[in-house]
């Protein structure tokens, strides 16, 4: 039983340690990238919303580390981040 708990704890740490939400990955993003190109770098967005010809996407959580990107005509036009190391 203890070995199963230890294994689950190690796997949990491994998964959280593999986050693509890093300052290094954020710095590799470029204006004009498509959503697919961005997702190749930082993974699938956790939340997206559309308004008046724009698509705003959030990777991560508003309460912790995150990356926000706004796309127009499937091209990244604004970037911001919070809590990245």
PDB file of N, CA and C in Angstrom:
ATOM      1  N   UNK A   1       0.817  -1.191   0.000  1.00  0.00           N
ATOM      2  CA  UNK A   1       0.000   0.000   0.000  1.00  0.00           C
ATOM      3  C   UNK A   1       0.867   1.262   0.000  1.00  0.00           C
ATOM      4  N   UNK A   2       1.928   1.262   0.842  1.00  0.00           N
ATOM      5  CA  UNK A   2       2.810   2.425   0.896  1.00  0.00           C
ATOM      6  C   UNK A   2       3.532   2.629  -0.427  1.00  0.00           C
ATOM      7  N   UNK A   3       3.899   1.531  -1.081  1.00  0.00           N
ATOM      8  CA  UNK A   3       4.611   1.664  -2.356  1.00  0.00           C
ATOM      9  C   UNK A   3       3.703   2.254  -3.431  1.00  0.00           C
ATOM     10  N   UNK A   4       2.413   1.927  -3.391  1.00  0.00           N
ATOM     11  CA  UNK A   4       1.473   2.504  -4.358  1.00  0.00           C
ATOM     12  C   UNK A   4       1.318   3.994  -4.127  1.00  0.00           C
ATOM     13  N   UNK A   5       1.234   4.410  -2.868  1.00  0.00           N
ATOM     14  CA  UNK A   5       1.121   5.833  -2.558  1.00  0.00           C
ATOM     15  C   UNK A   5       2.378   6.584  -2.983  1.00  0.00           C
ATOM     16  N   UNK A   6       3.529   5.986  -2.737  1.00  0.00           N
ATOM     17  CA  UNK A   6       4.787   6.605  -3.136  1.00  0.00           C
ATOM     18  C   UNK A   6       4.852   6.750  -4.651  1.00  0.00           C
ATOM     19  N   UNK A   7       4.443   5.712  -5.359  1.00  0.00           N
ATOM     20  CA  UNK A   7       4.439   5.750  -6.821  1.00  0.00           C
ATOM     21  C   UNK A   7       3.512   6.850  -7.330  1.00  0.00           C
ATOM     22  N   UNK A   8       2.328   6.981  -6.762  1.00  0.00           N
ATOM     23  CA  UNK A   8       1.386   8.026  -7.162  1.00  0.00           C
ATOM     24  C   UNK A   8       1.957   9.411  -6.877  1.00  0.00           C
ATOM     25  N   UNK A   9       2.613   9.566  -5.749  1.00  0.00           N
ATOM     26  CA  UNK A   9       3.213  10.859  -5.413  1.00  0.00           C
ATOM     27  C   UNK A   9       4.314  11.224  -6.411  1.00  0.00           C
ATOM     28  N   UNK A  10       5.155  10.264  -6.753  1.00  0.00           N
ATOM     29  CA  UNK A  10       6.235  10.514  -7.715  1.00  0.00           C
ATOM     30  C   UNK A  10       5.671  10.848  -9.085  1.00  0.00           C
ATOM     31  N   UNK A  11       4.664  10.122  -9.515  1.00  0.00           N
ATOM     32  CA  UNK A  11       4.034  10.406 -10.811  1.00  0.00           C
ATOM     33  C   UNK A  11       3.391  11.784 -10.809  1.00  0.00           C
ATOM     34  N   UNK A  12       2.750  12.150  -9.714  1.00  0.00           N
ATOM     35  CA  UNK A  12       2.139  13.469  -9.613  1.00  0.00           C
ATOM     36  C   UNK A  12       3.165  14.578  -9.730  1.00  0.00           C
ATOM     37  N   UNK A  13       4.307  14.418  -9.077  1.00  0.00           N
ATOM     38  CA  UNK A  13       5.375  15.404  -9.186  1.00  0.00           C
ATOM     39  C   UNK A  13       5.947  15.449 -10.592  1.00  0.00           C
ATOM     40  N   UNK A  14       6.072  14.308 -11.225  1.00  0.00           N
ATOM     41  CA  UNK A  14       6.611  14.259 -12.587  1.00  0.00           C
ATOM     42  C   UNK A  14       5.698  14.992 -13.553  1.00  0.00           C
ATOM     43  N   UNK A  15       4.408  14.819 -13.406  1.00  0.00           N
ATOM     44  CA  UNK A  15       3.451  15.477 -14.302  1.00  0.00           C
ATOM     45  C   UNK A  15       3.486  16.982 -14.094  1.00  0.00           C
ATOM     46  N   UNK A  16       3.469  17.446 -12.849  1.00  0.00           N
ATOM     47  CA  UNK A  16       3.492  18.889 -12.607  1.00  0.00           C
ATOM     48  C   UNK A  16       4.832  19.485 -12.979  1.00  0.00           C
ATOM     49  N   UNK A  17       5.894  18.734 -12.883  1.00  0.00           N
ATOM     50  CA  UNK A  17       7.214  19.222 -13.252  1.00  0.00           C
ATOM     51  C   UNK A  17       7.403  19.362 -14.752  1.00  0.00           C
ATOM     52  N   UNK A  18       6.532  18.795 -15.544  1.00  0.00           N
ATOM     53  CA  UNK A  18       6.646  18.821 -16.996  1.00  0.00           C
ATOM     54  C   UNK A  18       5.787  19.903 -17.636  1.00  0.00           C
ATOM     55  N   UNK A  19       5.361  20.872 -16.860  1.00  0.00           N
ATOM     56  CA  UNK A  19       4.515  21.931 -17.383  1.00  0.00           C
ATOM     57  C   UNK A  19       5.225  22.683 -18.500  1.00  0.00           C
ATOM     58  N   UNK A  20       4.494  23.018 -19.530  1.00  0.00           N
ATOM     59  CA  UNK A  20       5.047  23.787 -20.631  1.00  0.00           C
ATOM     60  C   UNK A  20       4.906  25.282 -20.380  1.00  0.00           C
ATOM     61  N   UNK A  21       4.305  25.649 -19.244  1.00  0.00           N
ATOM     62  CA  UNK A  21       4.133  27.058 -18.902  1.00  0.00           C
ATOM     63  C   UNK A  21       5.385  27.563 -18.193  1.00  0.00           C
ATOM     64  N   UNK A  22       6.394  27.871 -19.001  1.00  0.00           N
ATOM     65  CA  UNK A  22       7.649  28.386 -18.473  1.00  0.00           C
ATOM     66  C   UNK A  22       7.979  29.708 -19.155  1.00  0.00           C
ATOM     67  N   UNK A  23       8.824  30.497 -18.519  1.00  0.00           N
ATOM     68  CA  UNK A  23       9.252  31.769 -19.107  1.00  0.00           C
ATOM     69  C   UNK A  23      10.028  31.509 -20.396  1.00  0.00           C
ATOM     70  N   UNK A  24      10.801  30.429 -20.403  1.00  0.00           N
ATOM     71  CA  UNK A  24      11.569  30.073 -21.602  1.00  0.00           C
ATOM     72  C   UNK A  24      10.640  29.810 -22.796  1.00  0.00           C
ATOM     73  N   UNK A  25       9.570  29.025 -22.577  1.00  0.00           N
ATOM     74  CA  UNK A  25       8.623  28.752 -23.658  1.00  0.00           C
ATOM     75  C   UNK A  25       7.873  30.029 -24.047  1.00  0.00           C
ATOM     76  N   UNK A  26       7.501  30.853 -23.054  1.00  0.00           N
ATOM     77  CA  UNK A  26       6.819  32.116 -23.347  1.00  0.00           C
ATOM     78  C   UNK A  26       7.705  32.980 -24.254  1.00  0.00           C
ATOM     79  N   UNK A  27       8.994  33.064 -23.928  1.00  0.00           N
ATOM     80  CA  UNK A  27       9.920  33.886 -24.706  1.00  0.00           C
ATOM     81  C   UNK A  27      10.106  33.382 -26.129  1.00  0.00           C
ATOM     82  N   UNK A  28       9.788  32.118 -26.390  1.00  0.00           N
ATOM     83  CA  UNK A  28       9.948  31.575 -27.741  1.00  0.00           C
ATOM     84  C   UNK A  28       8.724  31.849 -28.626  1.00  0.00           C
ATOM     85  N   UNK A  29       7.645  32.356 -28.031  1.00  0.00           N
ATOM     86  CA  UNK A  29       6.458  32.696 -28.815  1.00  0.00           C
ATOM     87  C   UNK A  29       6.714  33.975 -29.604  1.00  0.00           C
ATOM     88  N   UNK A  30       6.097  34.066 -30.788  1.00  0.00           N
ATOM     89  CA  UNK A  30       6.308  35.223 -31.654  1.00  0.00           C
ATOM     90  C   UNK A  30       4.988  35.756 -32.179  1.00  0.00           C
ATOM     91  N   UNK A  31       4.955  37.062 -32.401  1.00  0.00           N
ATOM     92  CA  UNK A  31       3.789  37.690 -33.015  1.00  0.00           C
ATOM     93  C   UNK A  31       3.547  37.029 -34.367  1.00  0.00           C
ATOM     94  N   UNK A  32       2.289  36.832 -34.704  1.00  0.00           N
ATOM     95  CA  UNK A  32       1.939  36.257 -35.988  1.00  0.00           C
ATOM     96  C   UNK A  32       1.846  34.741 -35.995  1.00  0.00           C
ATOM     97  N   UNK A  33       2.246  34.095 -34.897  1.00  0.00           N
ATOM     98  CA  UNK A  33       2.116  32.629 -34.845  1.00  0.00           C
ATOM     99  C   UNK A  33       0.636  32.260 -34.857  1.00  0.00           C
ATOM    100  N   UNK A  34       0.326  31.133 -35.477  1.00  0.00           N
ATOM    101  CA  UNK A  34      -1.048  30.638 -35.447  1.00  0.00           C
ATOM    102  C   UNK A  34      -1.304  29.954 -34.108  1.00  0.00           C
ATOM    103  N   UNK A  35      -2.562  29.699 -33.807  1.00  0.00           N
ATOM    104  CA  UNK A  35      -2.907  29.006 -32.568  1.00  0.00           C
ATOM    105  C   UNK A  35      -2.259  27.624 -32.552  1.00  0.00           C
ATOM    106  N   UNK A  36      -2.235  26.946 -33.667  1.00  0.00           N
ATOM    107  CA  UNK A  36      -1.595  25.624 -33.748  1.00  0.00           C
ATOM    108  C   UNK A  36      -0.104  25.701 -33.461  1.00  0.00           C
ATOM    109  N   UNK A  37       0.558  26.731 -33.968  1.00  0.00           N
ATOM    110  CA  UNK A  37       1.988  26.897 -33.709  1.00  0.00           C
ATOM    111  C   UNK A  37       2.240  27.180 -32.225  1.00  0.00           C
ATOM    112  N   UNK A  38       1.392  28.004 -31.620  1.00  0.00           N
ATOM    113  CA  UNK A  38       1.513  28.297 -30.191  1.00  0.00           C
ATOM    114  C   UNK A  38       1.300  27.016 -29.386  1.00  0.00           C
ATOM    115  N   UNK A  39       0.275  26.237 -29.753  1.00  0.00           N
ATOM    116  CA  UNK A  39      -0.012  24.993 -29.034  1.00  0.00           C
ATOM    117  C   UNK A  39       1.134  23.992 -29.157  1.00  0.00           C
ATOM    118  N   UNK A  40       1.893  24.038 -30.228  1.00  0.00           N
ATOM    119  CA  UNK A  40       3.053  23.153 -30.367  1.00  0.00           C
ATOM    120  C   UNK A  40       4.121  23.501 -29.329  1.00  0.00           C
ATOM    121  N   UNK A  41       4.137  24.756 -28.886  1.00  0.00           N
ATOM    122  CA  UNK A  41       5.129  25.199 -27.902  1.00  0.00           C
ATOM    123  C   UNK A  41       4.628  25.013 -26.475  1.00  0.00           C
ATOM    124  N   UNK A  42       3.375  25.448 -26.187  1.00  0.00           N
ATOM    125  CA  UNK A  42       2.902  25.448 -24.793  1.00  0.00           C
ATOM    126  C   UNK A  42       1.703  24.538 -24.534  1.00  0.00           C
ATOM    127  N   UNK A  43       1.310  23.762 -25.519  1.00  0.00           N
ATOM    128  CA  UNK A  43       0.206  22.824 -25.321  1.00  0.00           C
ATOM    129  C   UNK A  43      -1.152  23.447 -25.602  1.00  0.00           C
ATOM    130  N   UNK A  44      -2.176  22.664 -25.394  1.00  0.00           N
ATOM    131  CA  UNK A  44      -3.552  23.087 -25.674  1.00  0.00           C
ATOM    132  C   UNK A  44      -4.013  24.092 -24.627  1.00  0.00           C
ATOM    133  N   UNK A  45      -4.734  25.115 -25.077  1.00  0.00           N
ATOM    134  CA  UNK A  45      -5.256  26.157 -24.184  1.00  0.00           C
ATOM    135  C   UNK A  45      -6.268  25.561 -23.210  1.00  0.00           C
ATOM    136  N   UNK A  46      -6.289  26.108 -22.001  1.00  0.00           N
ATOM    137  CA  UNK A  46      -7.259  25.662 -21.001  1.00  0.00           C
ATOM    138  C   UNK A  46      -8.619  26.322 -21.185  1.00  0.00           C
ATOM    139  N   UNK A  47      -8.621  27.514 -21.808  1.00  0.00           N
ATOM    140  CA  UNK A  47      -9.879  28.228 -21.994  1.00  0.00           C
ATOM    141  C   UNK A  47      -9.704  29.244 -23.118  1.00  0.00           C
ATOM    142  N   UNK A  48     -10.680  29.306 -24.023  1.00  0.00           N
ATOM    143  CA  UNK A  48     -10.677  30.302 -25.098  1.00  0.00           C
ATOM    144  C   UNK A  48     -12.067  30.916 -25.206  1.00  0.00           C
ATOM    145  N   UNK A  49     -12.102  32.194 -25.579  1.00  0.00           N
ATOM    146  CA  UNK A  49     -13.386  32.860 -25.810  1.00  0.00           C
ATOM    147  C   UNK A  49     -13.257  33.765 -27.031  1.00  0.00           C
ATOM    148  N   UNK A  50     -14.354  33.867 -27.782  1.00  0.00           N
ATOM    149  CA  UNK A  50     -14.367  34.676 -28.993  1.00  0.00           C
ATOM    150  C   UNK A  50     -15.203  35.922 -28.778  1.00  0.00           C
ATOM    151  N   UNK A  51     -14.735  37.038 -29.350  1.00  0.00           N
ATOM    152  CA  UNK A  51     -15.495  38.290 -29.312  1.00  0.00           C
ATOM    153  C   UNK A  51     -15.026  39.200 -30.433  1.00  0.00           C
ATOM    154  N   UNK A  52     -15.943  39.639 -31.241  1.00  0.00           N
ATOM    155  CA  UNK A  52     -15.705  40.622 -32.297  1.00  0.00           C
ATOM    156  C   UNK A  52     -14.441  40.329 -33.110  1.00  0.00           C
ATOM    157  N   UNK A  53     -14.362  39.157 -33.662  1.00  0.00           N
ATOM    158  CA  UNK A  53     -13.263  38.800 -34.547  1.00  0.00           C
ATOM    159  C   UNK A  53     -11.955  38.449 -33.868  1.00  0.00           C
ATOM    160  N   UNK A  54     -11.964  38.340 -32.548  1.00  0.00           N
ATOM    161  CA  UNK A  54     -10.743  37.943 -31.848  1.00  0.00           C
ATOM    162  C   UNK A  54     -10.982  36.668 -31.060  1.00  0.00           C
ATOM    163  N   UNK A  55      -9.918  35.937 -30.817  1.00  0.00           N
ATOM    164  CA  UNK A  55      -9.957  34.733 -30.000  1.00  0.00           C
ATOM    165  C   UNK A  55      -8.953  34.940 -28.875  1.00  0.00           C
ATOM    166  N   UNK A  56      -9.434  34.974 -27.636  1.00  0.00           N
ATOM    167  CA  UNK A  56      -8.560  35.144 -26.470  1.00  0.00           C
ATOM    168  C   UNK A  56      -8.441  33.816 -25.753  1.00  0.00           C
ATOM    169  N   UNK A  57      -7.205  33.363 -25.550  1.00  0.00           N
ATOM    170  CA  UNK A  57      -6.973  32.060 -24.927  1.00  0.00           C
ATOM    171  C   UNK A  57      -6.104  32.191 -23.686  1.00  0.00           C
ATOM    172  N   UNK A  58      -6.388  31.309 -22.731  1.00  0.00           N
ATOM    173  CA  UNK A  58      -5.662  31.259 -21.473  1.00  0.00           C
ATOM    174  C   UNK A  58      -5.067  29.874 -21.294  1.00  0.00           C
ATOM    175  N   UNK A  59      -3.788  29.832 -20.997  1.00  0.00           N
ATOM    176  CA  UNK A  59      -3.097  28.608 -20.622  1.00  0.00           C
ATOM    177  C   UNK A  59      -2.783  28.744 -19.146  1.00  0.00           C
ATOM    178  N   UNK A  60      -3.192  27.777 -18.352  1.00  0.00           N
ATOM    179  CA  UNK A  60      -2.972  27.850 -16.913  1.00  0.00           C
ATOM    180  C   UNK A  60      -4.214  28.347 -16.202  1.00  0.00           C
ATOM    181  N   UNK A  61      -4.008  29.057 -15.098  1.00  0.00           N
ATOM    182  CA  UNK A  61      -5.112  29.511 -14.256  1.00  0.00           C
ATOM    183  C   UNK A  61      -4.961  30.986 -13.921  1.00  0.00           C
ATOM    184  N   UNK A  62      -6.066  31.713 -13.898  1.00  0.00           N
ATOM    185  CA  UNK A  62      -6.041  33.130 -13.525  1.00  0.00           C
ATOM    186  C   UNK A  62      -5.423  33.317 -12.146  1.00  0.00           C
ATOM    187  N   UNK A  63      -5.626  32.347 -11.245  1.00  0.00           N
ATOM    188  CA  UNK A  63      -5.170  32.453  -9.868  1.00  0.00           C
ATOM    189  C   UNK A  63      -3.705  32.097  -9.684  1.00  0.00           C
ATOM    190  N   UNK A  64      -3.100  31.445 -10.656  1.00  0.00           N
ATOM    191  CA  UNK A  64      -1.691  31.058 -10.517  1.00  0.00           C
ATOM    192  C   UNK A  64      -0.960  31.418 -11.804  1.00  0.00           C
ATOM    193  N   UNK A  65       0.016  30.627 -12.197  1.00  0.00           N
ATOM    194  CA  UNK A  65       0.762  30.977 -13.403  1.00  0.00           C
ATOM    195  C   UNK A  65      -0.091  30.774 -14.647  1.00  0.00           C
ATOM    196  N   UNK A  66       0.097  31.692 -15.604  1.00  0.00           N
ATOM    197  CA  UNK A  66      -0.691  31.610 -16.828  1.00  0.00           C
ATOM    198  C   UNK A  66      -0.028  32.372 -17.957  1.00  0.00           C
ATOM    199  N   UNK A  67      -0.491  32.050 -19.151  1.00  0.00           N
ATOM    200  CA  UNK A  67      -0.147  32.786 -20.361  1.00  0.00           C
ATOM    201  C   UNK A  67      -1.459  33.117 -21.053  1.00  0.00           C
ATOM    202  N   UNK A  68      -1.606  34.375 -21.462  1.00  0.00           N
ATOM    203  CA  UNK A  68      -2.791  34.806 -22.206  1.00  0.00           C
ATOM    204  C   UNK A  68      -2.344  35.302 -23.570  1.00  0.00           C
ATOM    205  N   UNK A  69      -3.054  34.850 -24.594  1.00  0.00           N
ATOM    206  CA  UNK A  69      -2.734  35.266 -25.958  1.00  0.00           C
ATOM    207  C   UNK A  69      -4.030  35.587 -26.684  1.00  0.00           C
ATOM    208  N   UNK A  70      -4.019  36.689 -27.428  1.00  0.00           N
ATOM    209  CA  UNK A  70      -5.161  37.061 -28.253  1.00  0.00           C
ATOM    210  C   UNK A  70      -4.769  36.878 -29.714  1.00  0.00           C
ATOM    211  N   UNK A  71      -5.664  36.241 -30.464  1.00  0.00           N
ATOM    212  CA  UNK A  71      -5.457  35.975 -31.884  1.00  0.00           C
ATOM    213  C   UNK A  71      -6.466  36.773 -32.702  1.00  0.00           C
ATOM    214  N   UNK A  72      -6.018  37.309 -33.831  1.00  0.00           N
ATOM    215  CA  UNK A  72      -6.903  37.915 -34.828  1.00  0.00           C
ATOM    216  C   UNK A  72      -6.575  37.238 -36.147  1.00  0.00           C
ATOM    217  N   UNK A  73      -7.601  36.743 -36.838  1.00  0.00           N
ATOM    218  CA  UNK A  73      -7.416  36.013 -38.103  1.00  0.00           C
ATOM    219  C   UNK A  73      -6.388  34.899 -37.923  1.00  0.00           C
ATOM    220  N   UNK A  74      -6.475  34.195 -36.792  1.00  0.00           N
ATOM    221  CA  UNK A  74      -5.599  33.076 -36.425  1.00  0.00           C
ATOM    222  C   UNK A  74      -4.128  33.464 -36.337  1.00  0.00           C
ATOM    223  N   UNK A  75      -3.842  34.712 -36.028  1.00  0.00           N
ATOM    224  CA  UNK A  75      -2.470  35.174 -35.815  1.00  0.00           C
ATOM    225  C   UNK A  75      -2.375  35.809 -34.431  1.00  0.00           C
ATOM    226  N   UNK A  76      -1.350  35.438 -33.655  1.00  0.00           N
ATOM    227  CA  UNK A  76      -1.158  35.990 -32.313  1.00  0.00           C
ATOM    228  C   UNK A  76      -0.829  37.474 -32.420  1.00  0.00           C
ATOM    229  N   UNK A  77      -1.581  38.292 -31.659  1.00  0.00           N
ATOM    230  CA  UNK A  77      -1.348  39.740 -31.703  1.00  0.00           C
ATOM    231  C   UNK A  77      -0.990  40.333 -30.341  1.00  0.00           C
ATOM    232  N   UNK A  78      -1.399  39.702 -29.248  1.00  0.00           N
ATOM    233  CA  UNK A  78      -0.993  40.174 -27.921  1.00  0.00           C
ATOM    234  C   UNK A  78      -0.632  38.982 -27.045  1.00  0.00           C
ATOM    235  N   UNK A  79       0.333  39.205 -26.157  1.00  0.00           N
ATOM    236  CA  UNK A  79       0.811  38.181 -25.236  1.00  0.00           C
ATOM    237  C   UNK A  79       0.912  38.790 -23.849  1.00  0.00           C
ATOM    238  N   UNK A  80       0.636  37.995 -22.831  1.00  0.00           N
ATOM    239  CA  UNK A  80       0.930  38.390 -21.456  1.00  0.00           C
ATOM    240  C   UNK A  80       1.114  37.130 -20.631  1.00  0.00           C
ATOM    241  N   UNK A  81       1.780  37.278 -19.492  1.00  0.00           N
ATOM    242  CA  UNK A  81       1.965  36.125 -18.596  1.00  0.00           C
ATOM    243  C   UNK A  81       1.970  36.613 -17.159  1.00  0.00           C
ATOM    244  N   UNK A  82       1.773  35.667 -16.254  1.00  0.00           N
ATOM    245  CA  UNK A  82       1.814  35.958 -14.825  1.00  0.00           C
ATOM    246  C   UNK A  82       2.321  34.721 -14.088  1.00  0.00           C
ATOM    247  N   UNK A  83       3.250  34.910 -13.185  1.00  0.00           N
ATOM    248  CA  UNK A  83       3.718  33.833 -12.322  1.00  0.00           C
ATOM    249  C   UNK A  83       4.684  32.837 -12.931  1.00  0.00           C
ATOM    250  N   UNK A  84       5.218  33.114 -14.115  1.00  0.00           N
ATOM    251  CA  UNK A  84       6.153  32.173 -14.744  1.00  0.00           C
ATOM    252  C   UNK A  84       7.555  32.367 -14.179  1.00  0.00           C
ATOM    253  N   UNK A  85       8.284  31.268 -14.104  1.00  0.00           N
ATOM    254  CA  UNK A  85       9.674  31.329 -13.636  1.00  0.00           C
ATOM    255  C   UNK A  85      10.610  30.816 -14.689  1.00  0.00           C
TER     256      UNK A  85
END
